[in-house]
Amino acid sequence: FIKIKDKYLGLQIKPVGHAYITQIINERTQQGETHIKFTKKYGGKVFYVFSIKEGDKKVIANQEIIEQIKEEIKRLS
């Protein structure tokens, strides 16, 4: 999570790969209600950040999420 003043936004960091696709889909379905509760309680949205491995480094696969997170930080500030 990231704290902004008295609110929080949530981050779910998930590895991307064929072995994880089914697990991620199941989690997103199951956690939808939990994310709604988080937003009601803490004020911020929950974001999925997908991680891929490039060489020895882990990189954010869904780069567009960064802009969405920045917008949420502005909204909560």
N, C-alpha and C. Protein backbone atom coordinates (compact mmCIF):
# COMPACT_ATOMS: atom_id res chain seq x y z
N PHE A 1 0.84 -1.19 0.00
CA PHE A 1 0.00 0.00 0.00
C PHE A 1 0.87 1.24 0.00
N ILE A 2 0.28 2.35 -0.37
CA ILE A 2 0.94 3.65 -0.32
C ILE A 2 0.03 4.57 0.48
N LYS A 3 0.58 5.24 1.49
CA LYS A 3 -0.20 6.16 2.32
C LYS A 3 -0.09 7.56 1.73
N ILE A 4 -1.25 8.20 1.55
CA ILE A 4 -1.33 9.58 1.10
C ILE A 4 -2.22 10.30 2.12
N LYS A 5 -1.59 11.16 2.93
CA LYS A 5 -2.29 11.83 4.03
C LYS A 5 -2.95 10.78 4.91
N ASP A 6 -4.29 10.81 5.03
CA ASP A 6 -4.98 9.84 5.88
C ASP A 6 -5.63 8.72 5.08
N LYS A 7 -5.25 8.58 3.81
CA LYS A 7 -5.83 7.56 2.93
C LYS A 7 -4.74 6.62 2.43
N TYR A 8 -5.16 5.53 1.83
CA TYR A 8 -4.23 4.55 1.28
C TYR A 8 -4.70 4.11 -0.10
N LEU A 9 -3.73 3.79 -0.97
CA LEU A 9 -4.07 3.07 -2.19
C LEU A 9 -3.35 1.74 -2.11
N GLY A 10 -3.94 0.73 -2.73
CA GLY A 10 -3.39 -0.62 -2.64
C GLY A 10 -2.65 -1.02 -3.89
N LEU A 11 -1.64 -1.84 -3.72
CA LEU A 11 -0.88 -2.39 -4.84
C LEU A 11 -0.84 -3.91 -4.71
N GLN A 12 -1.19 -4.59 -5.79
CA GLN A 12 -1.05 -6.03 -5.86
C GLN A 12 -0.01 -6.28 -6.94
N ILE A 13 1.15 -6.78 -6.54
CA ILE A 13 2.23 -7.03 -7.49
C ILE A 13 2.23 -8.52 -7.82
N LYS A 14 2.07 -8.81 -9.12
CA LYS A 14 1.93 -10.19 -9.58
C LYS A 14 2.95 -10.51 -10.66
N PRO A 15 3.56 -11.70 -10.59
CA PRO A 15 4.46 -12.11 -11.66
C PRO A 15 3.66 -12.49 -12.89
N VAL A 16 4.20 -12.21 -14.07
CA VAL A 16 3.52 -12.56 -15.31
C VAL A 16 4.27 -13.71 -15.95
N GLY A 17 3.53 -14.67 -16.39
CA GLY A 17 4.08 -15.84 -17.06
C GLY A 17 2.98 -16.85 -17.24
N HIS A 18 3.18 -17.77 -18.14
CA HIS A 18 2.13 -18.75 -18.43
C HIS A 18 1.70 -19.52 -17.19
N ALA A 19 2.62 -19.80 -16.31
CA ALA A 19 2.30 -20.56 -15.10
C ALA A 19 1.37 -19.79 -14.16
N TYR A 20 1.34 -18.47 -14.28
CA TYR A 20 0.58 -17.64 -13.34
C TYR A 20 -0.75 -17.13 -13.89
N ILE A 21 -1.00 -17.26 -15.19
CA ILE A 21 -2.18 -16.64 -15.80
C ILE A 21 -3.47 -17.10 -15.15
N THR A 22 -3.68 -18.40 -15.00
CA THR A 22 -4.91 -18.90 -14.38
C THR A 22 -5.04 -18.40 -12.95
N GLN A 23 -3.96 -18.40 -12.21
CA GLN A 23 -3.98 -17.93 -10.82
C GLN A 23 -4.38 -16.46 -10.76
N ILE A 24 -3.82 -15.63 -11.64
CA ILE A 24 -4.13 -14.19 -11.65
C ILE A 24 -5.59 -13.96 -11.97
N ILE A 25 -6.12 -14.66 -12.98
CA ILE A 25 -7.53 -14.50 -13.35
C ILE A 25 -8.43 -14.88 -12.17
N ASN A 26 -8.13 -16.00 -11.52
CA ASN A 26 -8.93 -16.43 -10.36
C ASN A 26 -8.87 -15.41 -9.23
N GLU A 27 -7.67 -14.90 -8.94
CA GLU A 27 -7.52 -13.92 -7.87
C GLU A 27 -8.28 -12.64 -8.16
N ARG A 28 -8.21 -12.15 -9.39
CA ARG A 28 -8.90 -10.90 -9.73
C ARG A 28 -10.39 -11.05 -9.53
N THR A 29 -10.93 -12.20 -9.90
CA THR A 29 -12.36 -12.45 -9.72
C THR A 29 -12.72 -12.51 -8.25
N GLN A 30 -11.93 -13.24 -7.48
CA GLN A 30 -12.21 -13.41 -6.06
C GLN A 30 -11.98 -12.13 -5.26
N GLN A 31 -11.00 -11.33 -5.65
CA GLN A 31 -10.64 -10.17 -4.85
C GLN A 31 -11.41 -8.91 -5.21
N GLY A 32 -12.26 -8.97 -6.21
CA GLY A 32 -13.04 -7.80 -6.59
C GLY A 32 -13.79 -7.19 -5.41
N GLU A 33 -14.46 -8.04 -4.64
CA GLU A 33 -15.22 -7.57 -3.47
C GLU A 33 -14.28 -7.01 -2.40
N THR A 34 -13.15 -7.65 -2.21
CA THR A 34 -12.16 -7.18 -1.24
C THR A 34 -11.63 -5.80 -1.63
N HIS A 35 -11.42 -5.58 -2.92
CA HIS A 35 -10.93 -4.28 -3.38
C HIS A 35 -11.97 -3.19 -3.16
N ILE A 36 -13.24 -3.52 -3.33
CA ILE A 36 -14.31 -2.55 -3.05
C ILE A 36 -14.30 -2.19 -1.57
N LYS A 37 -14.15 -3.18 -0.70
CA LYS A 37 -14.10 -2.93 0.74
C LYS A 37 -12.89 -2.08 1.11
N PHE A 38 -11.74 -2.36 0.48
CA PHE A 38 -10.52 -1.58 0.72
C PHE A 38 -10.77 -0.11 0.36
N THR A 39 -11.36 0.13 -0.80
CA THR A 39 -11.62 1.50 -1.25
C THR A 39 -12.58 2.21 -0.30
N LYS A 40 -13.62 1.52 0.15
CA LYS A 40 -14.56 2.14 1.08
C LYS A 40 -13.88 2.47 2.41
N LYS A 41 -13.03 1.59 2.88
CA LYS A 41 -12.38 1.78 4.18
C LYS A 41 -11.24 2.79 4.13
N TYR A 42 -10.41 2.72 3.07
CA TYR A 42 -9.19 3.52 3.03
C TYR A 42 -9.20 4.66 2.00
N GLY A 43 -10.21 4.70 1.14
CA GLY A 43 -10.35 5.82 0.22
C GLY A 43 -9.71 5.67 -1.14
N GLY A 44 -8.72 4.80 -1.27
CA GLY A 44 -8.00 4.66 -2.53
C GLY A 44 -8.30 3.36 -3.25
N LYS A 45 -8.01 3.36 -4.54
CA LYS A 45 -8.21 2.18 -5.37
C LYS A 45 -7.08 1.17 -5.14
N VAL A 46 -7.31 -0.04 -5.61
CA VAL A 46 -6.28 -1.09 -5.60
C VAL A 46 -5.85 -1.32 -7.04
N PHE A 47 -4.55 -1.38 -7.26
CA PHE A 47 -3.99 -1.54 -8.60
C PHE A 47 -3.20 -2.83 -8.70
N TYR A 48 -3.32 -3.50 -9.84
CA TYR A 48 -2.50 -4.67 -10.14
C TYR A 48 -1.29 -4.22 -10.93
N VAL A 49 -0.11 -4.55 -10.42
CA VAL A 49 1.15 -4.27 -11.11
C VAL A 49 1.71 -5.63 -11.52
N PHE A 50 1.88 -5.84 -12.83
CA PHE A 50 2.38 -7.11 -13.35
C PHE A 50 3.87 -7.02 -13.59
N SER A 51 4.59 -7.98 -13.05
CA SER A 51 6.04 -8.00 -13.08
C SER A 51 6.54 -9.08 -14.05
N ILE A 52 7.49 -8.71 -14.92
CA ILE A 52 8.13 -9.68 -15.78
C ILE A 52 9.64 -9.62 -15.54
N LYS A 53 10.29 -10.71 -15.83
CA LYS A 53 11.73 -10.75 -15.62
C LYS A 53 12.43 -10.50 -16.95
N GLU A 54 13.33 -9.52 -16.96
CA GLU A 54 14.16 -9.22 -18.11
C GLU A 54 15.61 -9.35 -17.66
N GLY A 55 16.22 -10.45 -18.01
CA GLY A 55 17.57 -10.72 -17.52
C GLY A 55 17.53 -10.94 -16.02
N ASP A 56 18.32 -10.18 -15.29
CA ASP A 56 18.35 -10.29 -13.84
C ASP A 56 17.41 -9.33 -13.13
N LYS A 57 16.69 -8.51 -13.91
CA LYS A 57 15.83 -7.48 -13.33
C LYS A 57 14.36 -7.83 -13.50
N LYS A 58 13.56 -7.32 -12.59
CA LYS A 58 12.10 -7.40 -12.71
C LYS A 58 11.61 -6.05 -13.20
N VAL A 59 10.72 -6.08 -14.18
CA VAL A 59 10.24 -4.86 -14.83
C VAL A 59 8.71 -4.87 -14.80
N ILE A 60 8.11 -3.69 -14.70
CA ILE A 60 6.65 -3.57 -14.73
C ILE A 60 6.18 -3.81 -16.16
N ALA A 61 5.35 -4.83 -16.34
CA ALA A 61 4.85 -5.19 -17.67
C ALA A 61 3.76 -4.24 -18.14
N ASN A 62 2.89 -3.83 -17.25
CA ASN A 62 1.79 -2.94 -17.60
C ASN A 62 2.14 -1.50 -17.22
N GLN A 63 3.03 -0.92 -17.98
CA GLN A 63 3.56 0.42 -17.71
C GLN A 63 2.46 1.49 -17.58
N GLU A 64 1.33 1.29 -18.27
CA GLU A 64 0.24 2.27 -18.20
C GLU A 64 -0.31 2.43 -16.79
N ILE A 65 -0.09 1.44 -15.95
CA ILE A 65 -0.59 1.50 -14.57
C ILE A 65 0.10 2.61 -13.78
N ILE A 66 1.31 2.94 -14.16
CA ILE A 66 2.06 3.99 -13.44
C ILE A 66 1.31 5.31 -13.51
N GLU A 67 0.81 5.66 -14.68
CA GLU A 67 0.06 6.92 -14.83
C GLU A 67 -1.24 6.87 -14.01
N GLN A 68 -1.90 5.72 -14.00
CA GLN A 68 -3.13 5.57 -13.22
C GLN A 68 -2.85 5.72 -11.73
N ILE A 69 -1.75 5.18 -11.27
CA ILE A 69 -1.37 5.30 -9.86
C ILE A 69 -1.06 6.77 -9.54
N LYS A 70 -0.35 7.45 -10.43
CA LYS A 70 -0.06 8.87 -10.22
C LYS A 70 -1.34 9.69 -10.11
N GLU A 71 -2.32 9.39 -10.97
CA GLU A 71 -3.60 10.10 -10.92
C GLU A 71 -4.33 9.85 -9.60
N GLU A 72 -4.26 8.63 -9.11
CA GLU A 72 -4.90 8.30 -7.84
C GLU A 72 -4.21 9.02 -6.70
N ILE A 73 -2.90 9.12 -6.74
CA ILE A 73 -2.16 9.86 -5.72
C ILE A 73 -2.58 11.32 -5.73
N LYS A 74 -2.71 11.92 -6.90
CA LYS A 74 -3.18 13.31 -6.99
C LYS A 74 -4.58 13.45 -6.41
N ARG A 75 -5.44 12.51 -6.75
CA ARG A 75 -6.84 12.56 -6.25
C ARG A 75 -6.89 12.49 -4.75
N LEU A 76 -6.03 11.68 -4.15
CA LEU A 76 -6.05 11.49 -2.69
C LEU A 76 -5.29 12.58 -1.94
N SER A 77 -4.49 13.36 -2.66
CA SER A 77 -3.66 14.40 -1.99
C SER A 77 -4.46 15.60 -1.57
